[in-house]
Amino acid sequence: MARKKSTTESLDKSKPRRIKGEGGISERKDGTWTGRIDLGTRPDGKRNIKCFYGKKRIEVQKKMKEFQKMYESQAAEAYKQTVEEYMFNWLEVFKKPDLAESSYDTLEDTIKNQIVPYIGFVQLVKSLKRDVLERMRVKGRT
């Protein structure tokens, strides 16, 4: 009778885990290869998954690497904006449709007078909670 392998024995010979966010590649029943990259969660709460297909594993790996480079460069570009740019974009895109005109004007004035003069110039990538709290403390707001 053949001895059944324990789970620790099978783990020792398995491939190393892929890096988080790197995605996974597998072969389908029809012989084509598929790759999937998890891009996080969409606003509706569902997972945002990008799929790649090819006849060979190497082809799928190449497509995935190209996409990841492009995706990372776009994400890096998005973080170059300042707090001021982000706040006014947020106000225009997300809040304006839901607010009455007077409420929108009040919120716009609040951003102009209470946020932009103190932290509006800070780039989002550099903006940390500590920085915001320090600037508020200096102005005597905490």
N, C-alpha and C. Protein backbone atom coordinates (compact mmCIF):
# COMPACT_ATOMS: atom_id res chain seq x y z
N MET A 1 0.85 -1.18 0.00
CA MET A 1 0.00 0.00 0.00
C MET A 1 0.89 1.24 0.00
N ALA A 2 0.60 2.20 -0.86
CA ALA A 2 1.41 3.42 -0.98
C ALA A 2 1.12 4.35 0.19
N ARG A 3 2.19 4.94 0.66
CA ARG A 3 2.06 5.87 1.77
C ARG A 3 1.61 7.24 1.27
N LYS A 4 0.65 7.83 1.95
CA LYS A 4 0.14 9.15 1.58
C LYS A 4 1.10 10.23 2.07
N LYS A 5 1.40 11.21 1.21
CA LYS A 5 2.30 12.30 1.60
C LYS A 5 1.61 13.22 2.59
N SER A 6 2.37 13.67 3.55
CA SER A 6 1.83 14.66 4.49
C SER A 6 1.85 16.03 3.83
N THR A 7 1.10 16.94 4.39
CA THR A 7 1.03 18.28 3.80
C THR A 7 2.37 19.00 3.86
N THR A 8 3.16 18.73 4.89
CA THR A 8 4.46 19.41 4.99
C THR A 8 5.42 18.90 3.92
N GLU A 9 5.32 17.63 3.56
CA GLU A 9 6.20 17.10 2.52
C GLU A 9 5.87 17.73 1.18
N SER A 10 4.58 17.88 0.88
CA SER A 10 4.20 18.45 -0.41
C SER A 10 4.54 19.94 -0.47
N LEU A 11 4.53 20.63 0.66
CA LEU A 11 4.87 22.05 0.66
C LEU A 11 6.36 22.27 0.40
N ASP A 12 7.20 21.34 0.86
CA ASP A 12 8.63 21.50 0.68
C ASP A 12 9.03 21.48 -0.78
N LYS A 13 8.34 20.70 -1.61
CA LYS A 13 8.69 20.56 -3.01
C LYS A 13 7.93 21.52 -3.91
N SER A 14 6.98 22.26 -3.37
CA SER A 14 6.17 23.16 -4.19
C SER A 14 6.97 24.40 -4.58
N LYS A 15 6.45 25.07 -5.60
CA LYS A 15 7.08 26.31 -6.06
C LYS A 15 6.89 27.39 -5.00
N PRO A 16 7.79 28.38 -4.97
CA PRO A 16 7.59 29.49 -4.02
C PRO A 16 6.36 30.29 -4.41
N ARG A 17 5.73 30.88 -3.42
CA ARG A 17 4.53 31.69 -3.67
C ARG A 17 4.89 32.91 -4.50
N ARG A 18 3.94 33.32 -5.32
CA ARG A 18 4.12 34.54 -6.11
C ARG A 18 3.95 35.74 -5.18
N ILE A 19 4.51 36.85 -5.56
CA ILE A 19 4.42 38.07 -4.78
C ILE A 19 2.99 38.59 -4.85
N LYS A 20 2.50 39.16 -3.76
CA LYS A 20 1.14 39.71 -3.73
C LYS A 20 0.99 40.77 -4.81
N GLY A 21 -0.07 40.65 -5.60
CA GLY A 21 -0.32 41.60 -6.67
C GLY A 21 0.30 41.19 -7.99
N GLU A 22 1.13 40.15 -7.97
CA GLU A 22 1.79 39.70 -9.18
C GLU A 22 0.84 38.92 -10.08
N GLY A 23 -0.18 38.33 -9.51
CA GLY A 23 -1.16 37.59 -10.30
C GLY A 23 -0.85 36.11 -10.35
N GLY A 24 -1.69 35.38 -11.06
CA GLY A 24 -1.51 33.94 -11.19
C GLY A 24 -1.72 33.52 -12.63
N ILE A 25 -1.04 32.43 -13.01
CA ILE A 25 -1.14 31.91 -14.37
C ILE A 25 -1.51 30.44 -14.29
N SER A 26 -2.44 30.03 -15.15
CA SER A 26 -2.84 28.62 -15.17
C SER A 26 -3.22 28.22 -16.59
N GLU A 27 -3.20 26.90 -16.81
CA GLU A 27 -3.57 26.37 -18.12
C GLU A 27 -5.02 25.93 -18.09
N ARG A 28 -5.77 26.29 -19.13
CA ARG A 28 -7.18 25.93 -19.21
C ARG A 28 -7.32 24.56 -19.86
N LYS A 29 -8.51 23.99 -19.81
CA LYS A 29 -8.76 22.66 -20.37
C LYS A 29 -8.52 22.61 -21.87
N ASP A 30 -8.77 23.71 -22.56
CA ASP A 30 -8.59 23.74 -24.01
C ASP A 30 -7.14 23.96 -24.43
N GLY A 31 -6.21 24.06 -23.47
CA GLY A 31 -4.79 24.18 -23.77
C GLY A 31 -4.28 25.61 -23.80
N THR A 32 -5.16 26.59 -23.75
CA THR A 32 -4.70 27.97 -23.70
C THR A 32 -4.34 28.33 -22.26
N TRP A 33 -3.59 29.43 -22.13
CA TRP A 33 -3.14 29.87 -20.81
C TRP A 33 -3.89 31.14 -20.43
N THR A 34 -4.14 31.28 -19.16
CA THR A 34 -4.80 32.48 -18.65
C THR A 34 -4.04 33.03 -17.46
N GLY A 35 -3.98 34.33 -17.39
CA GLY A 35 -3.34 35.01 -16.27
C GLY A 35 -4.31 36.00 -15.68
N ARG A 36 -4.27 36.15 -14.36
CA ARG A 36 -5.19 37.07 -13.68
C ARG A 36 -4.42 37.92 -12.68
N ILE A 37 -4.72 39.22 -12.70
CA ILE A 37 -4.12 40.14 -11.75
C ILE A 37 -5.25 40.81 -10.97
N ASP A 38 -5.15 40.80 -9.65
CA ASP A 38 -6.14 41.43 -8.78
C ASP A 38 -5.73 42.89 -8.59
N LEU A 39 -6.60 43.80 -9.02
CA LEU A 39 -6.31 45.23 -8.94
C LEU A 39 -6.98 45.91 -7.75
N GLY A 40 -7.51 45.13 -6.83
CA GLY A 40 -8.16 45.71 -5.66
C GLY A 40 -9.67 45.65 -5.77
N THR A 41 -10.32 46.54 -5.05
CA THR A 41 -11.77 46.54 -4.98
C THR A 41 -12.34 47.74 -5.74
N ARG A 42 -13.40 47.50 -6.50
CA ARG A 42 -14.09 48.58 -7.21
C ARG A 42 -14.98 49.33 -6.23
N PRO A 43 -15.49 50.50 -6.63
CA PRO A 43 -16.36 51.27 -5.73
C PRO A 43 -17.63 50.52 -5.31
N ASP A 44 -18.09 49.56 -6.14
CA ASP A 44 -19.28 48.80 -5.78
C ASP A 44 -18.98 47.62 -4.85
N GLY A 45 -17.71 47.45 -4.47
CA GLY A 45 -17.34 46.41 -3.52
C GLY A 45 -16.86 45.11 -4.16
N LYS A 46 -17.01 44.98 -5.46
CA LYS A 46 -16.57 43.76 -6.15
C LYS A 46 -15.08 43.85 -6.47
N ARG A 47 -14.45 42.68 -6.65
CA ARG A 47 -13.03 42.63 -6.98
C ARG A 47 -12.81 43.11 -8.41
N ASN A 48 -11.73 43.84 -8.62
CA ASN A 48 -11.35 44.32 -9.94
C ASN A 48 -10.23 43.43 -10.43
N ILE A 49 -10.53 42.52 -11.38
CA ILE A 49 -9.57 41.54 -11.85
C ILE A 49 -9.35 41.73 -13.34
N LYS A 50 -8.08 41.80 -13.74
CA LYS A 50 -7.72 41.91 -15.15
C LYS A 50 -7.22 40.56 -15.61
N CYS A 51 -7.79 40.05 -16.73
CA CYS A 51 -7.43 38.73 -17.26
C CYS A 51 -6.64 38.86 -18.55
N PHE A 52 -5.72 37.92 -18.77
CA PHE A 52 -4.89 37.86 -19.97
C PHE A 52 -4.94 36.44 -20.51
N TYR A 53 -4.93 36.31 -21.83
CA TYR A 53 -5.01 35.00 -22.45
C TYR A 53 -3.92 34.87 -23.51
N GLY A 54 -3.46 33.63 -23.73
CA GLY A 54 -2.47 33.37 -24.76
C GLY A 54 -2.32 31.89 -25.02
N LYS A 55 -1.67 31.56 -26.12
CA LYS A 55 -1.46 30.16 -26.47
C LYS A 55 -0.33 29.54 -25.67
N LYS A 56 0.61 30.38 -25.20
CA LYS A 56 1.75 29.88 -24.43
C LYS A 56 1.85 30.64 -23.12
N ARG A 57 2.41 29.98 -22.12
CA ARG A 57 2.58 30.59 -20.80
C ARG A 57 3.45 31.85 -20.88
N ILE A 58 4.52 31.78 -21.67
CA ILE A 58 5.43 32.92 -21.79
C ILE A 58 4.71 34.13 -22.38
N GLU A 59 3.82 33.89 -23.32
CA GLU A 59 3.05 34.97 -23.93
C GLU A 59 2.20 35.69 -22.88
N VAL A 60 1.55 34.92 -22.00
CA VAL A 60 0.71 35.49 -20.94
C VAL A 60 1.58 36.25 -19.94
N GLN A 61 2.73 35.68 -19.58
CA GLN A 61 3.64 36.36 -18.65
C GLN A 61 4.08 37.71 -19.21
N LYS A 62 4.38 37.75 -20.50
CA LYS A 62 4.81 38.99 -21.14
C LYS A 62 3.70 40.03 -21.09
N LYS A 63 2.47 39.62 -21.43
CA LYS A 63 1.34 40.54 -21.40
C LYS A 63 1.12 41.09 -19.98
N MET A 64 1.25 40.21 -18.99
CA MET A 64 1.04 40.63 -17.60
C MET A 64 2.11 41.62 -17.16
N LYS A 65 3.37 41.37 -17.51
CA LYS A 65 4.45 42.28 -17.13
C LYS A 65 4.27 43.65 -17.79
N GLU A 66 3.88 43.66 -19.06
CA GLU A 66 3.66 44.93 -19.75
C GLU A 66 2.52 45.72 -19.09
N PHE A 67 1.45 45.02 -18.75
CA PHE A 67 0.33 45.68 -18.09
C PHE A 67 0.74 46.23 -16.74
N GLN A 68 1.47 45.46 -15.95
CA GLN A 68 1.88 45.91 -14.62
C GLN A 68 2.77 47.14 -14.70
N LYS A 69 3.68 47.19 -15.68
CA LYS A 69 4.53 48.38 -15.85
C LYS A 69 3.67 49.60 -16.18
N MET A 70 2.73 49.44 -17.11
CA MET A 70 1.86 50.54 -17.50
C MET A 70 0.98 50.98 -16.33
N TYR A 71 0.44 50.02 -15.60
CA TYR A 71 -0.44 50.32 -14.46
C TYR A 71 0.32 51.05 -13.36
N GLU A 72 1.53 50.61 -13.05
CA GLU A 72 2.33 51.24 -12.01
C GLU A 72 2.74 52.66 -12.40
N SER A 73 3.06 52.88 -13.68
CA SER A 73 3.46 54.23 -14.11
C SER A 73 2.26 55.18 -14.04
N GLN A 74 1.06 54.69 -14.36
CA GLN A 74 -0.14 55.53 -14.25
C GLN A 74 -0.43 55.86 -12.79
N ALA A 75 -0.27 54.87 -11.91
CA ALA A 75 -0.52 55.10 -10.49
C ALA A 75 0.48 56.11 -9.93
N ALA A 76 1.74 56.00 -10.34
CA ALA A 76 2.76 56.94 -9.87
C ALA A 76 2.44 58.36 -10.35
N GLU A 77 1.96 58.48 -11.57
CA GLU A 77 1.61 59.79 -12.12
C GLU A 77 0.45 60.41 -11.35
N ALA A 78 -0.51 59.59 -10.95
CA ALA A 78 -1.68 60.08 -10.23
C ALA A 78 -1.28 60.67 -8.87
N TYR A 79 -0.24 60.13 -8.26
CA TYR A 79 0.17 60.60 -6.94
C TYR A 79 1.02 61.86 -6.99
N LYS A 80 1.29 62.38 -8.16
CA LYS A 80 2.09 63.61 -8.25
C LYS A 80 1.24 64.85 -8.04
N GLN A 81 -0.07 64.70 -7.97
CA GLN A 81 -0.90 65.87 -7.78
C GLN A 81 -0.86 66.34 -6.33
N THR A 82 -1.17 67.60 -6.16
CA THR A 82 -1.15 68.19 -4.83
C THR A 82 -2.49 67.98 -4.13
N VAL A 83 -2.51 68.26 -2.84
CA VAL A 83 -3.74 68.15 -2.07
C VAL A 83 -4.79 69.10 -2.65
N GLU A 84 -4.37 70.30 -3.05
CA GLU A 84 -5.30 71.28 -3.63
C GLU A 84 -5.96 70.72 -4.89
N GLU A 85 -5.15 70.17 -5.80
CA GLU A 85 -5.71 69.60 -7.04
C GLU A 85 -6.67 68.46 -6.73
N TYR A 86 -6.27 67.62 -5.80
CA TYR A 86 -7.12 66.48 -5.43
C TYR A 86 -8.44 66.96 -4.84
N MET A 87 -8.38 67.91 -3.93
CA MET A 87 -9.59 68.38 -3.25
C MET A 87 -10.58 69.01 -4.23
N PHE A 88 -10.09 69.84 -5.13
CA PHE A 88 -11.00 70.48 -6.08
C PHE A 88 -11.56 69.47 -7.10
N ASN A 89 -10.76 68.49 -7.46
CA ASN A 89 -11.25 67.43 -8.34
C ASN A 89 -12.33 66.61 -7.61
N TRP A 90 -12.08 66.26 -6.36
CA TRP A 90 -13.05 65.52 -5.55
C TRP A 90 -14.35 66.32 -5.43
N LEU A 91 -14.23 67.59 -5.18
CA LEU A 91 -15.39 68.46 -5.03
C LEU A 91 -16.22 68.48 -6.32
N GLU A 92 -15.55 68.66 -7.44
CA GLU A 92 -16.25 68.77 -8.72
C GLU A 92 -16.87 67.44 -9.16
N VAL A 93 -16.12 66.35 -9.04
CA VAL A 93 -16.58 65.06 -9.57
C VAL A 93 -17.54 64.34 -8.63
N PHE A 94 -17.23 64.30 -7.35
CA PHE A 94 -18.00 63.47 -6.43
C PHE A 94 -19.07 64.22 -5.63
N LYS A 95 -18.83 65.46 -5.30
CA LYS A 95 -19.76 66.17 -4.43
C LYS A 95 -20.76 67.06 -5.16
N LYS A 96 -20.33 67.69 -6.24
CA LYS A 96 -21.19 68.64 -6.94
C LYS A 96 -22.53 68.04 -7.37
N PRO A 97 -22.57 66.82 -7.90
CA PRO A 97 -23.86 66.26 -8.32
C PRO A 97 -24.86 66.06 -7.17
N ASP A 98 -24.37 65.89 -5.96
CA ASP A 98 -25.24 65.57 -4.82
C ASP A 98 -25.59 66.78 -3.95
N LEU A 99 -24.92 67.90 -4.15
CA LEU A 99 -25.10 69.04 -3.26
C LEU A 99 -25.93 70.16 -3.90
N ALA A 100 -26.64 70.86 -3.05
CA ALA A 100 -27.31 72.08 -3.49
C ALA A 100 -26.24 73.13 -3.79
N GLU A 101 -26.58 74.13 -4.58
CA GLU A 101 -25.60 75.12 -4.99
C GLU A 101 -24.98 75.85 -3.80
N SER A 102 -25.80 76.19 -2.81
CA SER A 102 -25.27 76.91 -1.64
C SER A 102 -24.34 76.01 -0.82
N SER A 103 -24.67 74.74 -0.70
CA SER A 103 -23.81 73.80 0.04
C SER A 103 -22.48 73.62 -0.69
N TYR A 104 -22.55 73.53 -2.01
CA TYR A 104 -21.33 73.41 -2.82
C TYR A 104 -20.44 74.63 -2.63
N ASP A 105 -21.04 75.82 -2.67
CA ASP A 105 -20.27 77.06 -2.49
C ASP A 105 -19.61 77.11 -1.11
N THR A 106 -20.33 76.69 -0.09
CA THR A 106 -19.79 76.67 1.27
C THR A 106 -18.59 75.73 1.37
N LEU A 107 -18.74 74.54 0.79
CA LEU A 107 -17.66 73.55 0.82
C LEU A 107 -16.45 74.05 0.02
N GLU A 108 -16.71 74.68 -1.10
CA GLU A 108 -15.62 75.23 -1.91
C GLU A 108 -14.86 76.31 -1.14
N ASP A 109 -15.59 77.19 -0.46
CA ASP A 109 -14.95 78.24 0.34
C ASP A 109 -14.14 77.64 1.49
N THR A 110 -14.66 76.59 2.10
CA THR A 110 -13.95 75.92 3.19
C THR A 110 -12.62 75.37 2.70
N ILE A 111 -12.65 74.74 1.54
CA ILE A 111 -11.41 74.19 0.97
C ILE A 111 -10.43 75.32 0.66
N LYS A 112 -10.91 76.38 0.02
CA LYS A 112 -10.04 77.51 -0.36
C LYS A 112 -9.42 78.19 0.86
N ASN A 113 -10.21 78.36 1.91
CA ASN A 113 -9.75 79.15 3.05
C ASN A 113 -9.12 78.36 4.19
N GLN A 114 -9.49 77.10 4.34
CA GLN A 114 -9.02 76.35 5.50
C GLN A 114 -8.11 75.18 5.18
N ILE A 115 -8.07 74.73 3.94
CA ILE A 115 -7.22 73.59 3.58
C ILE A 115 -6.06 74.02 2.69
N VAL A 116 -6.40 74.70 1.59
CA VAL A 116 -5.38 75.08 0.60
C VAL A 116 -4.26 75.93 1.18
N PRO A 117 -4.53 76.95 2.00
CA PRO A 117 -3.41 77.76 2.51
C PRO A 117 -2.42 76.98 3.38
N TYR A 118 -2.86 75.91 4.00
CA TYR A 118 -2.00 75.18 4.94
C TYR A 118 -1.37 73.94 4.35
N ILE A 119 -2.12 73.15 3.60
CA ILE A 119 -1.56 71.90 3.07
C ILE A 119 -1.84 71.73 1.58
N GLY A 120 -2.34 72.72 0.91
CA GLY A 120 -2.69 72.61 -0.50
C GLY A 120 -1.52 72.32 -1.41
N PHE A 121 -0.33 72.75 -1.04
CA PHE A 121 0.86 72.58 -1.86
C PHE A 121 1.52 71.21 -1.69
N VAL A 122 1.12 70.45 -0.68
CA VAL A 122 1.75 69.15 -0.39
C VAL A 122 1.31 68.13 -1.44
N GLN A 123 2.28 67.37 -1.97
CA GLN A 123 1.95 66.31 -2.91
C GLN A 123 1.33 65.15 -2.13
N LEU A 124 0.34 64.49 -2.77
CA LEU A 124 -0.35 63.41 -2.08
C LEU A 124 0.57 62.29 -1.64
N VAL A 125 1.57 61.98 -2.43
CA VAL A 125 2.47 60.90 -2.08
C VAL A 125 3.23 61.22 -0.79
N LYS A 126 3.42 62.51 -0.53
CA LYS A 126 4.16 62.92 0.67
C LYS A 126 3.23 63.27 1.83
N SER A 127 1.95 63.37 1.55
CA SER A 127 0.99 63.79 2.56
C SER A 127 0.71 62.65 3.53
N LEU A 128 1.05 62.84 4.75
CA LEU A 128 0.82 61.84 5.78
C LEU A 128 -0.02 62.45 6.89
N LYS A 129 -0.66 61.60 7.64
CA LYS A 129 -1.50 62.07 8.74
C LYS A 129 -0.69 62.94 9.69
N ARG A 130 0.56 62.55 9.93
CA ARG A 130 1.43 63.30 10.84
C ARG A 130 1.64 64.72 10.32
N ASP A 131 1.86 64.86 9.00
CA ASP A 131 2.07 66.18 8.41
C ASP A 131 0.84 67.06 8.59
N VAL A 132 -0.31 66.49 8.33
CA VAL A 132 -1.56 67.25 8.45
C VAL A 132 -1.76 67.70 9.89
N LEU A 133 -1.58 66.79 10.84
CA LEU A 133 -1.76 67.13 12.25
C LEU A 133 -0.74 68.17 12.71
N GLU A 134 0.50 68.08 12.23
CA GLU A 134 1.52 69.05 12.60
C GLU A 134 1.16 70.44 12.10
N ARG A 135 0.70 70.53 10.86
CA ARG A 135 0.32 71.83 10.30
C ARG A 135 -0.90 72.42 11.03
N MET A 136 -1.82 71.55 11.44
CA MET A 136 -2.99 72.02 12.19
C MET A 136 -2.56 72.52 13.57
N ARG A 137 -1.62 71.81 14.19
CA ARG A 137 -1.15 72.18 15.52
C ARG A 137 -0.46 73.55 15.47
N VAL A 138 0.35 73.77 14.44
CA VAL A 138 1.07 75.02 14.29
C VAL A 138 0.09 76.19 14.16
N LYS A 139 -1.01 75.98 13.50
CA LYS A 139 -2.01 77.02 13.33
C LYS A 139 -2.97 77.09 14.51
N GLY A 140 -2.77 76.25 15.53
CA GLY A 140 -3.59 76.30 16.73
C GLY A 140 -4.98 75.74 16.56
N ARG A 141 -5.12 74.72 15.71
CA ARG A 141 -6.43 74.17 15.43
C ARG A 141 -6.69 72.85 16.13
N THR A 142 -5.73 72.31 16.87
CA THR A 142 -6.00 71.05 17.57
C THR A 142 -6.01 71.25 19.07
